[in-house]
C-alpha cells in the first residue's frame, strides 16, 4: 500500500500539464500512487498522461468521457489505495518537498486533515497573507470556521483515507462547487486538524478555468446547491447548533459576496431562485433565534430570501432608522457642541463597558 495517493483530474490543459506532473514525479517523498483522470480531453493531454505512465510505474491513468470535474475527482477517489490521499489541479504545481513535509506532519499529529499553505500565481492585485494556525484539539465549530478562513478547496489538504471512508466523503457528480460539500463535511467530522504554514502548493489563476473570470458566474450560481448537498450529507449525524450556525453564517456570507460582487447582473434572477429554493425551515428557525450572532448585512441578505416578510420589514426599519440617525448626526454635530460632547461621552462609556466585560471574561477563565 502506498503512503499517499495523488489524484490529478485533467481536462484540456496541455500547456500546463507537464509542469504539474513533473512537480509530483520529482517529489523527495517517493512512496506515491499518482492517479490521473482524463475527463475526455480533446487536446494533447491524454497522450502526455500515457507517456508519463509508460515511464513511471506509480502512474494510474484513467480515460473517461467528459463528465465534469466533480465526476473526475470521484473516479479518482474510488481508485485510491494509499494511507493518505490528496489532489492537485492539473494546471497547478507543488513544492518538491510538499508531500515529505505533509506526511511527516500528518503522522506526527495523527490528524485526519493536514493542510499546507498555498500561493496564488498570476492573480491580479492579490497579496499573499499568512494563514492562521489551528489547535489540533479544536472543536467542531472552530474547525468549520478555520476551514472557511483558510480555504475550502480540497487540494491543499492531505486526507487520511480511513477517515474519509468512515464518514463517506465524496463528490456530488452534478455539482460545480464540488469542494464545498467535501471539505466542510471533513471539517465537521475530523477528530484532528494539522497545519503547515509553509506555502507548498502553487495555484495558477487562469481566466478560462472553472473559477476564472470567464466561468465565475456559472460557478457561483451553483453555490446554493452545494450547500444544500452539504447539509443533506451531514443532517443524519450529530452536529451541534453552534456548528450549524457557523455553517449557515458561512453559506450566507459566500452567497452575499457571490450575488453582489462575483456574478453577472444578468443571471441574478436565476441566482435569486436558486437561493430561495435552498432555504430550509430548520435554517430559518436557527438563524432567526440567533440573529445577533450574524453581522447586519449577512442577516439582511438572509431575510431577503427567507420568506420571513415581517422580520424583513422590521430589519429594514432598523437599518433605515440607523441611516437617518447617521445622516442627522453628521449634519448637526458641527453646529452643536453639546451634541458632539454627548456623543463623545457615550463612546467613552461604551469603551469602558467593553473593557469591563473583557476583564470579567478573563477573570472567569482564571
Protein backbone atom coordinates (compact mmCIF):
# COMPACT_ATOMS: atom_id res chain seq x y z
CA UNK A 1 0.00 0.00 0.00
CA UNK A 2 1.48 3.39 -1.00
CA UNK A 3 1.72 6.10 1.62
CA UNK A 4 0.00 8.79 -0.47
CA UNK A 5 -2.34 8.63 -3.44
CA UNK A 6 -2.25 11.81 -5.56
CA UNK A 7 -5.40 12.49 -7.61
CA UNK A 8 -4.97 14.71 -10.67
CA UNK A 9 -8.04 15.47 -12.80
CA UNK A 10 -7.22 16.57 -16.34
CA UNK A 11 -9.23 18.42 -18.98
CA UNK A 12 -7.58 20.26 -21.89
CA UNK A 13 -4.54 21.60 -20.01
CA UNK A 14 -1.80 20.58 -22.45
CA UNK A 15 0.28 23.80 -21.99
CA UNK A 16 0.49 23.30 -18.20
CA UNK A 17 0.27 19.55 -17.69
CA UNK A 18 3.96 18.62 -17.86
CA UNK A 19 4.89 21.20 -15.21
CA UNK A 20 2.20 19.76 -12.93
CA UNK A 21 3.21 16.13 -13.47
CA UNK A 22 6.93 16.87 -13.12
CA UNK A 23 6.32 18.56 -9.76
CA UNK A 24 4.66 15.36 -8.50
CA UNK A 25 7.10 12.90 -10.10
CA UNK A 26 10.10 14.76 -8.66
CA UNK A 27 8.88 14.81 -5.05
CA UNK A 28 11.52 13.97 -2.45
CA UNK A 29 8.85 11.68 -0.94
CA UNK A 30 8.75 8.71 -3.35
CA UNK A 31 6.08 6.39 -1.93
CA UNK A 32 3.28 7.73 -4.14
CA UNK A 33 0.43 6.45 -6.24
CA UNK A 34 -0.33 9.02 -8.98
CA UNK A 35 -3.93 8.67 -10.20
CA UNK A 36 -4.63 10.76 -13.31
CA UNK A 37 -8.20 11.00 -14.59
CA UNK A 38 -8.53 12.32 -18.14
CA UNK A 39 -12.05 13.76 -18.32
CA UNK A 40 -12.49 13.49 -22.09
CA UNK A 41 -9.76 15.95 -23.10
CA UNK A 42 -9.69 16.91 -26.80
CA UNK A 43 -6.13 18.30 -26.87
CA UNK A 44 -2.79 16.54 -26.32
CA UNK A 45 -3.34 15.91 -22.60
CA UNK A 46 -4.28 12.19 -22.92
CA UNK A 47 -1.11 11.44 -24.87
CA UNK A 48 1.03 13.21 -22.25
CA UNK A 49 -0.56 11.15 -19.46
CA UNK A 50 0.09 7.90 -21.33
CA UNK A 51 3.69 8.99 -21.95
CA UNK A 52 4.33 9.55 -18.22
CA UNK A 53 2.59 6.29 -17.29
CA UNK A 54 4.86 4.35 -19.67
CA UNK A 55 7.95 5.75 -17.90
CA UNK A 56 6.81 5.60 -14.26
CA UNK A 57 5.04 2.60 -12.72
CA UNK A 58 3.48 4.77 -10.00
CA UNK A 59 1.02 6.23 -12.52
CA UNK A 60 -2.57 5.01 -12.86
CA UNK A 61 -4.19 6.69 -15.88
CA UNK A 62 -7.95 6.57 -16.43
CA UNK A 63 -9.62 7.91 -19.57
CA UNK A 64 -13.34 8.68 -19.33
CA UNK A 65 -15.97 10.60 -21.28
CA UNK A 66 -16.31 14.23 -20.25
CA UNK A 67 -18.50 14.36 -17.15
CA UNK A 68 -17.16 17.36 -15.23
CA UNK A 69 -14.53 17.94 -12.57
CA UNK A 70 -16.58 16.53 -9.67
CA UNK A 71 -17.17 13.28 -11.53
CA UNK A 72 -13.47 13.02 -12.41
CA UNK A 73 -12.48 13.56 -8.77
CA UNK A 74 -14.96 10.92 -7.64
CA UNK A 75 -13.49 8.50 -10.20
CA UNK A 76 -10.00 9.15 -8.85
CA UNK A 77 -11.17 8.84 -5.24
CA UNK A 78 -12.67 5.42 -5.96
CA UNK A 79 -9.24 4.15 -7.08
CA UNK A 80 -7.27 5.34 -4.03
CA UNK A 81 -5.21 2.65 -2.26
CA UNK A 82 -2.89 4.91 -0.24
CA UNK A 83 -2.86 5.51 3.51
CA UNK A 84 -3.49 9.18 2.69
CA UNK A 85 -4.67 10.96 -0.43
CA UNK A 86 -4.52 14.47 -1.85
CA UNK A 87 -5.41 16.39 -5.01
CA UNK A 88 -3.56 18.54 -7.50
CA UNK A 89 -5.29 20.62 -10.16
CA UNK A 90 -3.63 19.82 -13.47
CA UNK A 91 -2.67 23.44 -14.22
CA UNK A 92 -1.03 23.92 -10.80
CA UNK A 93 2.20 22.59 -9.30
CA UNK A 94 3.67 21.77 -5.89
CA UNK A 95 6.91 22.29 -3.99
CA UNK A 96 9.41 19.41 -4.29
CA UNK A 97 9.17 18.66 -0.53
CA UNK A 98 5.40 19.14 -0.18
CA UNK A 99 4.48 15.51 0.46
CA UNK A 100 7.54 14.79 2.59
CA UNK A 101 6.53 17.59 4.95
CA UNK A 102 2.79 16.91 4.83
CA UNK A 103 3.21 13.18 5.51
CA UNK A 104 5.59 13.79 8.42
CA UNK A 105 3.18 16.33 9.95
CA UNK A 106 0.17 14.03 9.48
CA UNK A 107 1.91 11.05 11.10
CA UNK A 108 3.27 13.15 13.95
CA UNK A 109 -0.12 14.68 14.78
CA UNK A 110 -2.43 11.79 13.85
CA UNK A 111 -4.60 14.36 12.04
CA UNK A 112 -7.45 13.35 9.72
CA UNK A 113 -6.86 16.52 7.67
CA UNK A 114 -3.45 18.17 7.28
CA UNK A 115 -3.40 21.48 5.45
CA UNK A 116 -0.41 23.11 3.82
CA UNK A 117 -0.45 26.74 2.80
CA UNK A 118 -0.51 27.84 -0.85
CA UNK A 119 0.49 30.71 -3.10
CA UNK A 120 -1.57 32.40 -5.82
CA UNK A 121 0.15 32.73 -9.20
CA UNK A 122 -0.90 35.28 -11.87
CA UNK A 123 -3.77 36.54 -9.69
CA UNK A 124 -4.33 40.27 -10.34
CA UNK A 125 -3.88 42.62 -7.36
CA UNK A 126 -3.57 39.75 -4.89
CA UNK A 127 -1.21 39.79 -1.92
CA UNK A 128 -0.46 36.59 -0.05
CA UNK A 129 -1.02 36.89 3.68
CA UNK A 130 -0.06 34.42 6.43
CA UNK A 131 -2.85 31.95 7.17
CA UNK A 132 -3.90 31.44 10.80
CA UNK A 133 -2.85 28.30 12.65
CA UNK A 134 -5.26 25.96 14.41
CA UNK A 135 -5.00 23.86 17.54
CA UNK A 136 -5.04 20.13 16.90
CA UNK A 137 -7.73 19.79 19.57
CA UNK A 138 -10.03 22.45 18.04
CA UNK A 139 -13.74 21.71 18.46
CA UNK A 140 -16.24 21.16 15.66
CA UNK A 141 -17.23 24.82 15.28
CA UNK A 142 -13.61 26.03 15.35
CA UNK A 143 -12.67 23.53 12.63
CA UNK A 144 -15.51 24.75 10.40
CA UNK A 145 -14.57 28.41 10.84
CA UNK A 146 -10.90 27.64 10.28
CA UNK A 147 -11.58 25.72 7.05
CA UNK A 148 -13.57 28.70 5.78
CA UNK A 149 -10.98 31.28 6.85
CA UNK A 150 -8.06 29.38 5.30
CA UNK A 151 -9.68 27.78 2.27
CA UNK A 152 -12.50 25.37 1.48
CA UNK A 153 -10.77 23.79 -1.52
CA UNK A 154 -9.69 20.16 -1.24
CA UNK A 155 -6.31 20.37 -3.00
CA UNK A 156 -4.29 21.87 -0.14
CA UNK A 157 -5.13 19.09 2.31
CA UNK A 158 -3.63 15.69 2.94
CA UNK A 159 -6.59 13.47 3.83
CA UNK A 160 -6.46 10.28 5.88
CA UNK A 161 -8.10 7.59 3.73
CA UNK A 162 -9.66 5.61 6.61
CA UNK A 163 -11.29 8.78 7.93
CA UNK A 164 -12.67 9.78 4.52
CA UNK A 165 -14.24 6.37 4.01
CA UNK A 166 -15.60 6.19 7.55
CA UNK A 167 -17.55 9.46 7.17
CA UNK A 168 -18.28 8.77 3.47
CA UNK A 169 -16.62 11.80 1.96
CA UNK A 170 -17.50 12.00 -1.71
CA UNK A 171 -18.08 14.41 -4.59
CA UNK A 172 -21.55 15.09 -5.93
CA UNK A 173 -21.09 14.47 -9.64
CA UNK A 174 -23.50 17.18 -10.85
CA UNK A 175 -22.17 19.93 -8.56
CA UNK A 176 -19.92 22.73 -9.85
CA UNK A 177 -18.83 23.99 -6.40
CA UNK A 178 -17.78 20.43 -5.60
CA UNK A 179 -15.20 21.31 -2.95
CA UNK A 180 -17.71 22.94 -0.58
CA UNK A 181 -19.58 19.80 0.46
CA UNK A 182 -16.41 17.68 0.53
CA UNK A 183 -14.18 19.98 2.58
CA UNK A 184 -16.75 21.26 5.05
CA UNK A 185 -18.08 17.77 5.74
CA UNK A 186 -14.49 16.79 6.50
CA UNK A 187 -14.13 19.79 8.82
CA UNK A 188 -17.31 18.82 10.68
CA UNK A 189 -16.19 15.26 11.44
CA UNK A 190 -12.38 15.33 11.59
CA UNK A 191 -11.06 14.45 15.04
CA UNK A 192 -7.84 16.35 14.49
CA UNK A 193 -6.52 19.06 12.19
CA UNK A 194 -2.88 19.86 11.48
CA UNK A 195 -1.42 22.82 9.63
CA UNK A 196 1.83 23.62 7.82
CA UNK A 197 2.26 27.40 7.34
CA UNK A 198 4.84 26.98 4.57
CA UNK A 199 3.48 27.62 1.06
CA UNK A 200 3.84 24.24 -0.67
CA UNK A 201 1.10 24.48 -3.32
CA UNK A 202 1.08 26.93 -6.24
CA UNK A 203 -2.34 27.80 -7.57
CA UNK A 204 -2.33 29.20 -11.09
CA UNK A 205 -5.11 31.69 -11.80
CA UNK A 206 -6.47 31.38 -15.34
CA UNK A 207 -9.44 33.32 -16.72
CA UNK A 208 -10.59 30.23 -18.64
CA UNK A 209 -10.52 27.88 -15.64
CA UNK A 210 -13.64 26.85 -13.72
CA UNK A 211 -13.24 29.64 -11.17
CA UNK A 212 -11.68 32.17 -13.55
CA UNK A 213 -13.41 35.31 -14.77
CA UNK A 214 -14.91 33.63 -17.83
CA UNK A 215 -16.76 30.96 -15.81
CA UNK A 216 -17.13 32.68 -12.43
CA UNK A 217 -20.88 33.36 -12.77
CA UNK A 218 -21.67 29.75 -13.69
CA UNK A 219 -19.51 28.50 -10.81
CA UNK A 220 -21.09 30.64 -8.10
CA UNK A 221 -24.58 30.05 -9.45
CA UNK A 222 -24.12 26.50 -8.14
CA UNK A 223 -23.15 27.62 -4.61
CA UNK A 224 -26.70 27.35 -3.13
CA UNK A 225 -26.96 23.78 -4.43
CA UNK A 226 -23.53 22.93 -2.99
CA UNK A 227 -24.62 23.99 0.50
CA UNK A 228 -27.89 22.09 0.14
CA UNK A 229 -25.91 18.94 -0.69
CA UNK A 230 -23.58 19.56 2.26
CA UNK A 231 -26.47 19.99 4.70
CA UNK A 232 -28.15 16.83 3.40
CA UNK A 233 -24.88 14.92 3.87
CA UNK A 234 -24.36 15.93 7.50
CA UNK A 235 -28.02 16.02 8.65
CA UNK A 236 -28.10 12.33 9.77
CA UNK A 237 -25.09 12.87 12.06
CA UNK A 238 -24.61 14.61 15.40
CA UNK A 239 -23.92 18.28 14.67
CA UNK A 240 -24.29 20.95 17.36
CA UNK A 241 -26.49 24.02 16.90
CA UNK A 242 -23.35 26.12 17.23
CA UNK A 243 -21.78 24.28 14.29
CA UNK A 244 -24.96 24.60 12.23
CA UNK A 245 -24.90 28.34 12.88
CA UNK A 246 -21.26 28.50 11.77
CA UNK A 247 -22.17 26.71 8.53
CA UNK A 248 -25.20 28.94 7.94
CA UNK A 249 -23.08 32.03 8.55
CA UNK A 250 -20.52 30.81 6.01
CA UNK A 251 -23.25 29.96 3.50
CA UNK A 252 -24.91 33.37 3.64
CA UNK A 253 -21.57 35.19 3.67
CA UNK A 254 -20.48 33.39 0.48
CA UNK A 255 -23.87 33.90 -1.17
CA UNK A 256 -23.86 37.60 -0.27
CA UNK A 257 -20.47 38.12 -1.92
CA UNK A 258 -21.38 35.97 -4.94
CA UNK A 259 -24.69 37.74 -5.54
CA UNK A 260 -23.40 41.29 -5.09
CA UNK A 261 -19.86 41.15 -6.45
CA UNK A 262 -18.96 37.90 -8.25
CA UNK A 263 -21.71 37.10 -10.75
CA UNK A 264 -23.01 38.95 -13.79
CA UNK A 265 -26.11 41.01 -13.08
CA UNK A 266 -27.85 39.26 -15.96
CA UNK A 267 -28.08 36.00 -14.01
CA UNK A 268 -29.21 37.50 -10.71
CA UNK A 269 -32.85 36.43 -11.28
CA UNK A 270 -31.72 32.81 -11.63
CA UNK A 271 -29.44 33.19 -8.60
CA UNK A 272 -32.38 34.52 -6.56
CA UNK A 273 -34.44 31.48 -7.49
CA UNK A 274 -31.62 29.09 -6.53
CA UNK A 275 -31.07 30.83 -3.18
CA UNK A 276 -34.76 30.81 -2.26
CA UNK A 277 -35.00 27.09 -3.04
CA UNK A 278 -32.03 26.35 -0.78
CA UNK A 279 -33.54 27.78 2.43
CA UNK A 280 -34.95 25.20 4.88
CA UNK A 281 -37.30 25.59 7.83
CA UNK A 282 -34.58 24.48 10.28
CA UNK A 283 -32.31 27.12 8.80
CA UNK A 284 -34.96 29.85 9.25
CA UNK A 285 -35.62 28.77 12.84
CA UNK A 286 -31.99 28.64 13.96
CA UNK A 287 -30.86 31.83 12.25
CA UNK A 288 -33.79 33.97 13.45
CA UNK A 289 -33.35 32.65 17.00
CA UNK A 290 -29.66 33.65 16.92
CA UNK A 291 -29.79 36.77 14.77
CA UNK A 292 -27.32 38.62 16.99
CA UNK A 293 -24.56 36.19 16.02
CA UNK A 294 -24.77 37.40 12.39
CA UNK A 295 -23.41 40.66 11.06
CA UNK A 296 -26.11 43.04 9.87
CA UNK A 297 -25.51 42.78 6.12
CA UNK A 298 -25.46 38.95 6.14
CA UNK A 299 -28.61 38.75 8.26
CA UNK A 300 -30.35 41.25 6.00
CA UNK A 301 -29.37 39.23 2.94
CA UNK A 302 -30.77 36.08 4.56
CA UNK A 303 -34.09 37.82 5.33
CA UNK A 304 -34.29 38.99 1.72
CA UNK A 305 -34.56 35.37 0.55
CA UNK A 306 -36.02 33.63 3.60
CA UNK A 307 -39.70 34.37 3.01
CA UNK A 308 -39.95 35.88 6.52
CA UNK A 309 -41.71 39.08 5.44
CA UNK A 310 -42.44 40.57 8.89
CA UNK A 311 -38.88 40.09 10.13
CA UNK A 312 -37.53 41.57 6.92
CA UNK A 313 -39.76 44.63 7.38
CA UNK A 314 -38.51 45.11 10.97
CA UNK A 315 -34.93 44.75 9.77
CA UNK A 316 -35.41 47.36 7.04
CA UNK A 317 -36.93 49.77 9.61
CA UNK A 318 -33.93 49.26 11.90
CA UNK A 319 -31.46 49.92 9.07
CA UNK A 320 -33.45 52.97 7.94
CA UNK A 321 -33.52 54.42 11.47
CA UNK A 322 -29.77 53.90 11.76
CA UNK A 323 -29.15 55.65 8.45
CA UNK A 324 -31.41 58.55 9.47
CA UNK A 325 -29.55 58.95 12.77
CA UNK A 326 -26.19 58.93 10.98
CA UNK A 327 -27.45 61.49 8.45
CA UNK A 328 -28.73 63.90 11.09
CA UNK A 329 -25.73 63.39 13.38
CA UNK A 330 -23.22 64.20 10.65
CA UNK A 331 -25.04 67.43 9.83
CA UNK A 332 -25.83 68.56 13.38
CA UNK A 333 -22.55 67.79 15.15
CA UNK A 334 -20.58 70.66 13.55
CA UNK A 335 -23.25 73.13 14.74
CA UNK A 336 -23.92 71.61 18.16
CA UNK A 337 -21.03 71.40 20.63
CA UNK A 338 -23.42 69.94 23.18
CA UNK A 339 -24.40 67.05 20.86
CA UNK A 340 -20.77 66.43 19.98
CA UNK A 341 -19.82 66.36 23.67
CA UNK A 342 -22.73 63.99 24.45
CA UNK A 343 -21.72 61.55 21.71
CA UNK A 344 -18.12 61.58 22.95
CA UNK A 345 -19.33 60.67 26.45
CA UNK A 346 -21.45 57.82 25.03
CA UNK A 347 -18.45 56.48 23.12
CA UNK A 348 -16.23 56.58 26.23
CA UNK A 349 -18.86 54.82 28.31
CA UNK A 350 -19.26 52.17 25.63
CA UNK A 351 -15.49 51.58 25.64
CA UNK A 352 -15.46 51.34 29.44
CA UNK A 353 -18.29 48.80 29.43
CA UNK A 354 -16.50 46.71 26.80
CA UNK A 355 -13.27 46.81 28.85
CA UNK A 356 -15.12 45.71 31.99
CA UNK A 357 -16.73 42.85 30.08
CA UNK A 358 -13.33 41.70 28.82
CA UNK A 359 -11.88 41.84 32.34
CA UNK A 360 -14.84 39.84 33.64
CA UNK A 361 -14.33 37.18 30.94
CA UNK A 362 -10.61 36.98 31.75
CA UNK A 363 -11.32 36.56 35.46
CA UNK A 364 -13.72 33.71 34.66
CA UNK A 365 -11.04 31.95 32.63
CA UNK A 366 -8.57 32.24 35.50
